[in-house]
Amino acid sequence: MSRICELTGKGRQVGHNVSHANNKTKRAFLPNLQNVTLISDALGRGVKLRVSMNGLRSVEHVGGLDNWLTKTSSEKLSLKARRLKREIAKKQTETAQA
């Protein structure tokens, strides 16, 4: 499992630990990823995703998973999230036509 947020694309960053003697050793800064179940209003079910806590706050700020996916470009999203975005868009067009 890669350490990348499925919604924001946030991944690991590389930097240095710097000692008092200014010795530098490589280290990784990992995002705070959590397995969460987000509710999709359009689909009427929960979806399990691996999301950074920063991404989860963003989803809540925008107004839910459906709004986040419709406003976010597909390049940032994981394959699972892109499929979910297409499924939600299809459901929303079906309800708009009915």
C-alpha atoms as a PDB file:
ATOM      1  CA  MET A   1       0.000   0.000   0.000  1.00  0.00           C
ATOM      2  CA  SER A   2       1.528   3.302  -1.042  1.00  0.00           C
ATOM      3  CA  ARG A   3       1.613   6.228   1.340  1.00  0.00           C
ATOM      4  CA  ILE A   4      -0.461   8.565  -0.823  1.00  0.00           C
ATOM      5  CA  CYS A   5      -3.806  10.179  -0.018  1.00  0.00           C
ATOM      6  CA  GLU A   6      -6.499   8.938  -2.417  1.00  0.00           C
ATOM      7  CA  LEU A   7      -8.249  12.315  -2.544  1.00  0.00           C
ATOM      8  CA  THR A   8      -5.529  14.974  -2.446  1.00  0.00           C
ATOM      9  CA  GLY A   9      -2.553  13.075  -3.857  1.00  0.00           C
ATOM     10  CA  LYS A  10      -0.446  14.110  -0.863  1.00  0.00           C
ATOM     11  CA  GLY A  11       2.511  11.737  -0.437  1.00  0.00           C
ATOM     12  CA  ARG A  12       5.775  11.411   1.435  1.00  0.00           C
ATOM     13  CA  GLN A  13       8.374  14.149   1.388  1.00  0.00           C
ATOM     14  CA  VAL A  14      12.090  13.743   1.944  1.00  0.00           C
ATOM     15  CA  GLY A  15      14.263  15.925   4.150  1.00  0.00           C
ATOM     16  CA  HIS A  16      17.029  15.810   6.726  1.00  0.00           C
ATOM     17  CA  ASN A  17      17.401  15.320  10.447  1.00  0.00           C
ATOM     18  CA  VAL A  18      19.900  17.982  11.483  1.00  0.00           C
ATOM     19  CA  SER A  19      21.916  17.386  14.636  1.00  0.00           C
ATOM     20  CA  HIS A  20      23.406  20.012  16.944  1.00  0.00           C
ATOM     21  CA  ALA A  21      26.737  19.435  15.162  1.00  0.00           C
ATOM     22  CA  ASN A  22      24.939  20.142  11.852  1.00  0.00           C
ATOM     23  CA  ASN A  23      25.209  16.507  10.681  1.00  0.00           C
ATOM     24  CA  LYS A  24      22.475  15.727   8.179  1.00  0.00           C
ATOM     25  CA  THR A  25      20.819  12.340   7.784  1.00  0.00           C
ATOM     26  CA  LYS A  26      17.990  11.532   5.380  1.00  0.00           C
ATOM     27  CA  ARG A  27      14.483  11.073   6.706  1.00  0.00           C
ATOM     28  CA  ALA A  28      10.935  10.877   5.349  1.00  0.00           C
ATOM     29  CA  PHE A  29       7.994  13.055   6.302  1.00  0.00           C
ATOM     30  CA  LEU A  30       4.870  10.876   5.991  1.00  0.00           C
ATOM     31  CA  PRO A  31       1.316  12.197   5.643  1.00  0.00           C
ATOM     32  CA  ASN A  32      -1.169  11.368   8.389  1.00  0.00           C
ATOM     33  CA  LEU A  33      -3.170   8.727   6.506  1.00  0.00           C
ATOM     34  CA  GLN A  34      -6.250   7.107   7.987  1.00  0.00           C
ATOM     35  CA  ASN A  35      -8.695   4.526   6.663  1.00  0.00           C
ATOM     36  CA  VAL A  36     -12.097   6.243   6.699  1.00  0.00           C
ATOM     37  CA  THR A  37     -15.576   5.547   5.402  1.00  0.00           C
ATOM     38  CA  LEU A  38     -17.057   8.598   3.708  1.00  0.00           C
ATOM     39  CA  ILE A  39     -20.777   8.781   2.910  1.00  0.00           C
ATOM     40  CA  SER A  40     -21.786   9.591  -0.661  1.00  0.00           C
ATOM     41  CA  ASP A  41     -25.169  11.328  -0.810  1.00  0.00           C
ATOM     42  CA  ALA A  42     -25.647  10.617  -4.515  1.00  0.00           C
ATOM     43  CA  LEU A  43     -24.881   6.899  -4.204  1.00  0.00           C
ATOM     44  CA  GLY A  44     -26.510   6.495  -0.798  1.00  0.00           C
ATOM     45  CA  ARG A  45     -23.700   4.355   0.608  1.00  0.00           C
ATOM     46  CA  GLY A  46     -20.379   4.577   2.377  1.00  0.00           C
ATOM     47  CA  VAL A  47     -17.049   4.399   0.570  1.00  0.00           C
ATOM     48  CA  LYS A  48     -13.805   3.246   2.222  1.00  0.00           C
ATOM     49  CA  LEU A  49     -10.799   5.408   1.311  1.00  0.00           C
ATOM     50  CA  ARG A  50      -7.284   6.004   2.627  1.00  0.00           C
ATOM     51  CA  VAL A  51      -7.251   9.745   3.230  1.00  0.00           C
ATOM     52  CA  SER A  52      -4.886  12.213   4.891  1.00  0.00           C
ATOM     53  CA  MET A  53      -6.400  14.134   7.751  1.00  0.00           C
ATOM     54  CA  ASN A  54      -5.742  17.355   5.835  1.00  0.00           C
ATOM     55  CA  GLY A  55      -7.770  15.918   2.952  1.00  0.00           C
ATOM     56  CA  LEU A  56     -10.565  14.887   5.310  1.00  0.00           C
ATOM     57  CA  ARG A  57     -10.787  18.441   6.666  1.00  0.00           C
ATOM     58  CA  SER A  58     -10.942  19.739   3.096  1.00  0.00           C
ATOM     59  CA  VAL A  59     -13.774  17.355   2.214  1.00  0.00           C
ATOM     60  CA  GLU A  60     -15.755  18.489   5.245  1.00  0.00           C
ATOM     61  CA  HIS A  61     -15.093  22.157   4.405  1.00  0.00           C
ATOM     62  CA  VAL A  62     -16.347  21.800   0.816  1.00  0.00           C
ATOM     63  CA  GLY A  63     -19.527  20.059   1.946  1.00  0.00           C
ATOM     64  CA  GLY A  64     -19.026  16.347   1.559  1.00  0.00           C
ATOM     65  CA  LEU A  65     -17.483  13.713  -0.674  1.00  0.00           C
ATOM     66  CA  ASP A  66     -19.719  14.368  -3.693  1.00  0.00           C
ATOM     67  CA  ASN A  67     -18.887  18.085  -3.802  1.00  0.00           C
ATOM     68  CA  TRP A  68     -15.175  17.395  -3.319  1.00  0.00           C
ATOM     69  CA  LEU A  69     -15.000  14.902  -6.179  1.00  0.00           C
ATOM     70  CA  THR A  70     -16.924  17.104  -8.614  1.00  0.00           C
ATOM     71  CA  LYS A  71     -14.665  20.117  -7.909  1.00  0.00           C
ATOM     72  CA  THR A  72     -11.310  18.285  -7.877  1.00  0.00           C
ATOM     73  CA  SER A  73      -9.361  17.548 -11.067  1.00  0.00           C
ATOM     74  CA  SER A  74      -8.960  13.881 -11.929  1.00  0.00           C
ATOM     75  CA  GLU A  75      -5.137  14.075 -12.079  1.00  0.00           C
ATOM     76  CA  LYS A  76      -4.872  14.360  -8.279  1.00  0.00           C
ATOM     77  CA  LEU A  77      -7.265  11.500  -7.563  1.00  0.00           C
ATOM     78  CA  SER A  78      -6.411   7.818  -7.256  1.00  0.00           C
ATOM     79  CA  LEU A  79      -7.903   5.261  -9.637  1.00  0.00           C
ATOM     80  CA  LYS A  80     -10.510   4.262  -7.042  1.00  0.00           C
ATOM     81  CA  ALA A  81     -11.522   7.903  -6.510  1.00  0.00           C
ATOM     82  CA  ARG A  82     -11.724   8.542 -10.289  1.00  0.00           C
ATOM     83  CA  ARG A  83     -14.091   5.606 -10.698  1.00  0.00           C
ATOM     84  CA  LEU A  84     -16.151   6.901  -7.803  1.00  0.00           C
ATOM     85  CA  LYS A  85     -16.245  10.375  -9.388  1.00  0.00           C
ATOM     86  CA  ARG A  86     -17.585   8.920 -12.670  1.00  0.00           C
ATOM     87  CA  GLU A  87     -20.181   6.868 -10.792  1.00  0.00           C
ATOM     88  CA  ILE A  88     -21.383   9.926  -8.856  1.00  0.00           C
ATOM     89  CA  ALA A  89     -21.558  12.067 -12.003  1.00  0.00           C
ATOM     90  CA  LYS A  90     -23.603   9.356 -13.741  1.00  0.00           C
ATOM     91  CA  LYS A  91     -26.034   9.146 -10.798  1.00  0.00           C
ATOM     92  CA  GLN A  92     -26.421  12.934 -10.671  1.00  0.00           C
ATOM     93  CA  THR A  93     -27.231  13.152 -14.403  1.00  0.00           C
ATOM     94  CA  GLU A  94     -29.791  10.344 -14.024  1.00  0.00           C
ATOM     95  CA  THR A  95     -31.545  12.153 -11.174  1.00  0.00           C
ATOM     96  CA  ALA A  96     -31.426  15.476 -13.060  1.00  0.00           C
ATOM     97  CA  GLN A  97     -33.141  13.910 -16.092  1.00  0.00           C
ATOM     98  CA  ALA A  98     -35.822  12.188 -14.034  1.00  0.00           C
END
